[in-house]
Amino acid sequence: MRQILLRMKELGVSQTELARRMKVSRPYITKVLHEDVNFSFRTAAKMANALKMDFFPALRPQEEGGNGSENSDVS
């Protein structure tokens, strides 16, 4: 979220303007930016697009001793 907030400041984009660009409500933007809330890749991509940012989620192997999900199987 830090990069989003920095980019908003850089561009002079308010939460209201970001909401307008994303076609969502301002309270939703406030919730996403300032609360610990899960949101979809679609929302993240819309936010990045509205702020003229690239959005490429990085998927990479975990380092050994990661978060304990090494035993989970993906079928």
N, C-alpha and C. Protein backbone atom coordinates (compact mmCIF):
# COMPACT_ATOMS: atom_id res chain seq x y z
N MET A 1 0.81 -1.19 0.00
CA MET A 1 0.00 0.00 0.00
C MET A 1 0.86 1.26 0.00
N ARG A 2 2.05 1.15 0.54
CA ARG A 2 2.93 2.31 0.62
C ARG A 2 3.17 2.91 -0.76
N GLN A 3 3.41 2.04 -1.76
CA GLN A 3 3.67 2.54 -3.11
C GLN A 3 2.45 3.24 -3.70
N ILE A 4 1.27 2.73 -3.38
CA ILE A 4 0.03 3.35 -3.87
C ILE A 4 -0.10 4.75 -3.27
N LEU A 5 0.08 4.87 -1.95
CA LEU A 5 -0.05 6.17 -1.30
C LEU A 5 1.01 7.16 -1.81
N LEU A 6 2.22 6.68 -2.01
CA LEU A 6 3.27 7.55 -2.55
C LEU A 6 2.92 8.02 -3.96
N ARG A 7 2.41 7.11 -4.77
CA ARG A 7 2.04 7.46 -6.14
C ARG A 7 0.89 8.46 -6.17
N MET A 8 -0.08 8.27 -5.27
CA MET A 8 -1.19 9.22 -5.18
C MET A 8 -0.67 10.61 -4.86
N LYS A 9 0.25 10.68 -3.91
CA LYS A 9 0.84 11.97 -3.53
C LYS A 9 1.62 12.57 -4.69
N GLU A 10 2.39 11.74 -5.35
CA GLU A 10 3.19 12.18 -6.50
C GLU A 10 2.32 12.79 -7.60
N LEU A 11 1.18 12.16 -7.86
CA LEU A 11 0.28 12.63 -8.92
C LEU A 11 -0.73 13.66 -8.44
N GLY A 12 -0.79 13.88 -7.13
CA GLY A 12 -1.79 14.80 -6.58
C GLY A 12 -3.20 14.24 -6.69
N VAL A 13 -3.33 12.92 -6.56
CA VAL A 13 -4.62 12.25 -6.69
C VAL A 13 -5.19 12.01 -5.29
N SER A 14 -6.37 12.54 -5.05
CA SER A 14 -7.05 12.33 -3.77
C SER A 14 -7.76 10.97 -3.76
N GLN A 15 -8.21 10.58 -2.59
CA GLN A 15 -8.98 9.34 -2.51
C GLN A 15 -10.27 9.46 -3.31
N THR A 16 -10.87 10.62 -3.28
CA THR A 16 -12.10 10.85 -4.06
C THR A 16 -11.84 10.70 -5.55
N GLU A 17 -10.72 11.26 -6.02
CA GLU A 17 -10.38 11.16 -7.44
C GLU A 17 -10.03 9.72 -7.81
N LEU A 18 -9.31 9.03 -6.93
CA LEU A 18 -8.99 7.62 -7.20
C LEU A 18 -10.26 6.80 -7.30
N ALA A 19 -11.19 7.03 -6.40
CA ALA A 19 -12.48 6.32 -6.44
C ALA A 19 -13.20 6.60 -7.76
N ARG A 20 -13.20 7.86 -8.18
CA ARG A 20 -13.86 8.21 -9.45
C ARG A 20 -13.21 7.49 -10.61
N ARG A 21 -11.88 7.47 -10.65
CA ARG A 21 -11.16 6.81 -11.73
C ARG A 21 -11.42 5.30 -11.76
N MET A 22 -11.59 4.72 -10.58
CA MET A 22 -11.81 3.27 -10.48
C MET A 22 -13.29 2.90 -10.57
N LYS A 23 -14.17 3.92 -10.52
CA LYS A 23 -15.62 3.69 -10.53
C LYS A 23 -16.07 2.87 -9.33
N VAL A 24 -15.54 3.26 -8.17
CA VAL A 24 -15.93 2.65 -6.89
C VAL A 24 -16.23 3.78 -5.91
N SER A 25 -16.73 3.44 -4.75
CA SER A 25 -17.06 4.47 -3.76
C SER A 25 -15.81 4.94 -3.01
N ARG A 26 -15.86 6.18 -2.53
CA ARG A 26 -14.75 6.70 -1.75
C ARG A 26 -14.58 5.91 -0.45
N PRO A 27 -15.67 5.53 0.26
CA PRO A 27 -15.48 4.72 1.47
C PRO A 27 -14.74 3.40 1.19
N TYR A 28 -14.96 2.82 0.01
CA TYR A 28 -14.25 1.60 -0.34
C TYR A 28 -12.75 1.86 -0.46
N ILE A 29 -12.39 2.97 -1.10
CA ILE A 29 -10.97 3.33 -1.24
C ILE A 29 -10.36 3.54 0.14
N THR A 30 -11.05 4.24 1.02
CA THR A 30 -10.56 4.46 2.38
C THR A 30 -10.32 3.13 3.07
N LYS A 31 -11.25 2.22 2.92
CA LYS A 31 -11.12 0.90 3.55
C LYS A 31 -9.90 0.15 3.01
N VAL A 32 -9.74 0.15 1.71
CA VAL A 32 -8.62 -0.56 1.08
C VAL A 32 -7.28 0.06 1.48
N LEU A 33 -7.21 1.39 1.52
CA LEU A 33 -5.94 2.06 1.79
C LEU A 33 -5.55 2.09 3.26
N HIS A 34 -6.53 2.08 4.15
CA HIS A 34 -6.20 2.33 5.55
C HIS A 34 -6.59 1.23 6.53
N GLU A 35 -7.17 0.17 6.04
CA GLU A 35 -7.53 -0.93 6.91
C GLU A 35 -6.90 -2.21 6.37
N ASP A 36 -6.78 -3.17 7.24
CA ASP A 36 -6.24 -4.46 6.82
C ASP A 36 -7.38 -5.26 6.20
N VAL A 37 -7.56 -5.07 4.90
CA VAL A 37 -8.66 -5.69 4.19
C VAL A 37 -8.13 -6.44 2.98
N ASN A 38 -8.72 -7.57 2.70
CA ASN A 38 -8.35 -8.32 1.50
C ASN A 38 -9.10 -7.75 0.31
N PHE A 39 -8.40 -7.61 -0.79
CA PHE A 39 -9.07 -7.20 -2.01
C PHE A 39 -8.51 -8.00 -3.16
N SER A 40 -9.22 -8.03 -4.25
CA SER A 40 -8.89 -8.91 -5.37
C SER A 40 -7.76 -8.35 -6.23
N PHE A 41 -7.19 -9.24 -7.04
CA PHE A 41 -6.20 -8.81 -8.03
C PHE A 41 -6.85 -7.81 -8.99
N ARG A 42 -8.11 -8.00 -9.29
CA ARG A 42 -8.81 -7.09 -10.19
C ARG A 42 -8.82 -5.68 -9.60
N THR A 43 -9.11 -5.56 -8.31
CA THR A 43 -9.11 -4.25 -7.65
C THR A 43 -7.71 -3.65 -7.67
N ALA A 44 -6.70 -4.46 -7.37
CA ALA A 44 -5.31 -3.98 -7.38
C ALA A 44 -4.93 -3.50 -8.78
N ALA A 45 -5.34 -4.24 -9.80
CA ALA A 45 -5.03 -3.87 -11.18
C ALA A 45 -5.75 -2.57 -11.56
N LYS A 46 -7.01 -2.42 -11.14
CA LYS A 46 -7.75 -1.19 -11.41
C LYS A 46 -7.09 0.00 -10.74
N MET A 47 -6.62 -0.21 -9.51
CA MET A 47 -5.96 0.86 -8.78
C MET A 47 -4.66 1.25 -9.49
N ALA A 48 -3.89 0.25 -9.89
CA ALA A 48 -2.64 0.52 -10.60
C ALA A 48 -2.92 1.26 -11.90
N ASN A 49 -3.91 0.83 -12.64
CA ASN A 49 -4.27 1.49 -13.89
C ASN A 49 -4.68 2.94 -13.66
N ALA A 50 -5.46 3.17 -12.62
CA ALA A 50 -5.93 4.52 -12.31
C ALA A 50 -4.78 5.45 -11.95
N LEU A 51 -3.69 4.87 -11.43
CA LEU A 51 -2.53 5.66 -11.03
C LEU A 51 -1.37 5.54 -12.02
N LYS A 52 -1.65 4.97 -13.20
CA LYS A 52 -0.64 4.81 -14.25
C LYS A 52 0.58 4.07 -13.72
N MET A 53 0.32 2.93 -13.08
CA MET A 53 1.38 2.08 -12.54
C MET A 53 1.27 0.71 -13.19
N ASP A 54 2.39 -0.02 -13.24
CA ASP A 54 2.37 -1.40 -13.69
C ASP A 54 1.94 -2.28 -12.54
N PHE A 55 1.21 -3.34 -12.84
CA PHE A 55 0.79 -4.30 -11.82
C PHE A 55 1.16 -5.69 -12.29
N PHE A 56 2.19 -6.23 -11.69
CA PHE A 56 2.63 -7.58 -11.99
C PHE A 56 2.88 -8.29 -10.67
N PRO A 57 1.90 -9.05 -10.18
CA PRO A 57 2.15 -9.79 -8.95
C PRO A 57 3.27 -10.80 -9.18
N ALA A 58 4.17 -10.89 -8.24
CA ALA A 58 5.32 -11.80 -8.37
C ALA A 58 5.04 -13.11 -7.65
N LEU A 59 5.11 -14.18 -8.38
CA LEU A 59 5.00 -15.51 -7.79
C LEU A 59 6.36 -16.17 -7.93
N ARG A 60 6.91 -16.58 -6.81
CA ARG A 60 8.23 -17.21 -6.84
C ARG A 60 8.30 -18.25 -5.73
N PRO A 61 9.21 -19.20 -5.87
CA PRO A 61 9.35 -20.23 -4.84
C PRO A 61 9.70 -19.61 -3.49
N GLN A 62 9.16 -20.18 -2.44
CA GLN A 62 9.50 -19.73 -1.10
C GLN A 62 10.90 -20.20 -0.74
N GLU A 63 11.55 -19.43 0.08
CA GLU A 63 12.85 -19.85 0.60
C GLU A 63 12.61 -20.91 1.66
N GLU A 64 13.57 -21.80 1.85
CA GLU A 64 13.43 -22.82 2.88
C GLU A 64 13.19 -22.15 4.22
N GLY A 65 12.37 -22.81 5.05
CA GLY A 65 12.03 -22.22 6.34
C GLY A 65 11.00 -21.12 6.21
N GLY A 66 10.22 -21.19 5.12
CA GLY A 66 9.20 -20.17 4.85
C GLY A 66 8.09 -20.19 5.88
N ASN A 67 6.86 -20.05 5.41
CA ASN A 67 5.74 -19.91 6.33
C ASN A 67 5.06 -21.22 6.68
N GLY A 68 5.69 -22.33 6.42
CA GLY A 68 5.11 -23.61 6.83
C GLY A 68 4.19 -24.23 5.80
N SER A 69 4.06 -23.63 4.63
CA SER A 69 3.16 -24.19 3.62
C SER A 69 3.88 -25.11 2.67
N GLU A 70 5.12 -25.47 2.98
CA GLU A 70 5.89 -26.32 2.08
C GLU A 70 5.24 -27.68 1.87
N ASN A 71 4.44 -28.12 2.83
CA ASN A 71 3.80 -29.43 2.73
C ASN A 71 2.48 -29.40 1.99
N SER A 72 2.02 -28.23 1.59
CA SER A 72 0.74 -28.17 0.90
C SER A 72 0.93 -28.61 -0.55
N ASP A 73 -0.01 -29.41 -1.02
CA ASP A 73 0.04 -29.91 -2.39
C ASP A 73 -0.89 -29.11 -3.27
N VAL A 74 -0.44 -28.82 -4.46
CA VAL A 74 -1.27 -28.16 -5.44
C VAL A 74 -1.59 -29.18 -6.51
N SER A 75 -2.86 -29.43 -6.73
CA SER A 75 -3.28 -30.45 -7.71
C SER A 75 -3.86 -29.80 -8.93
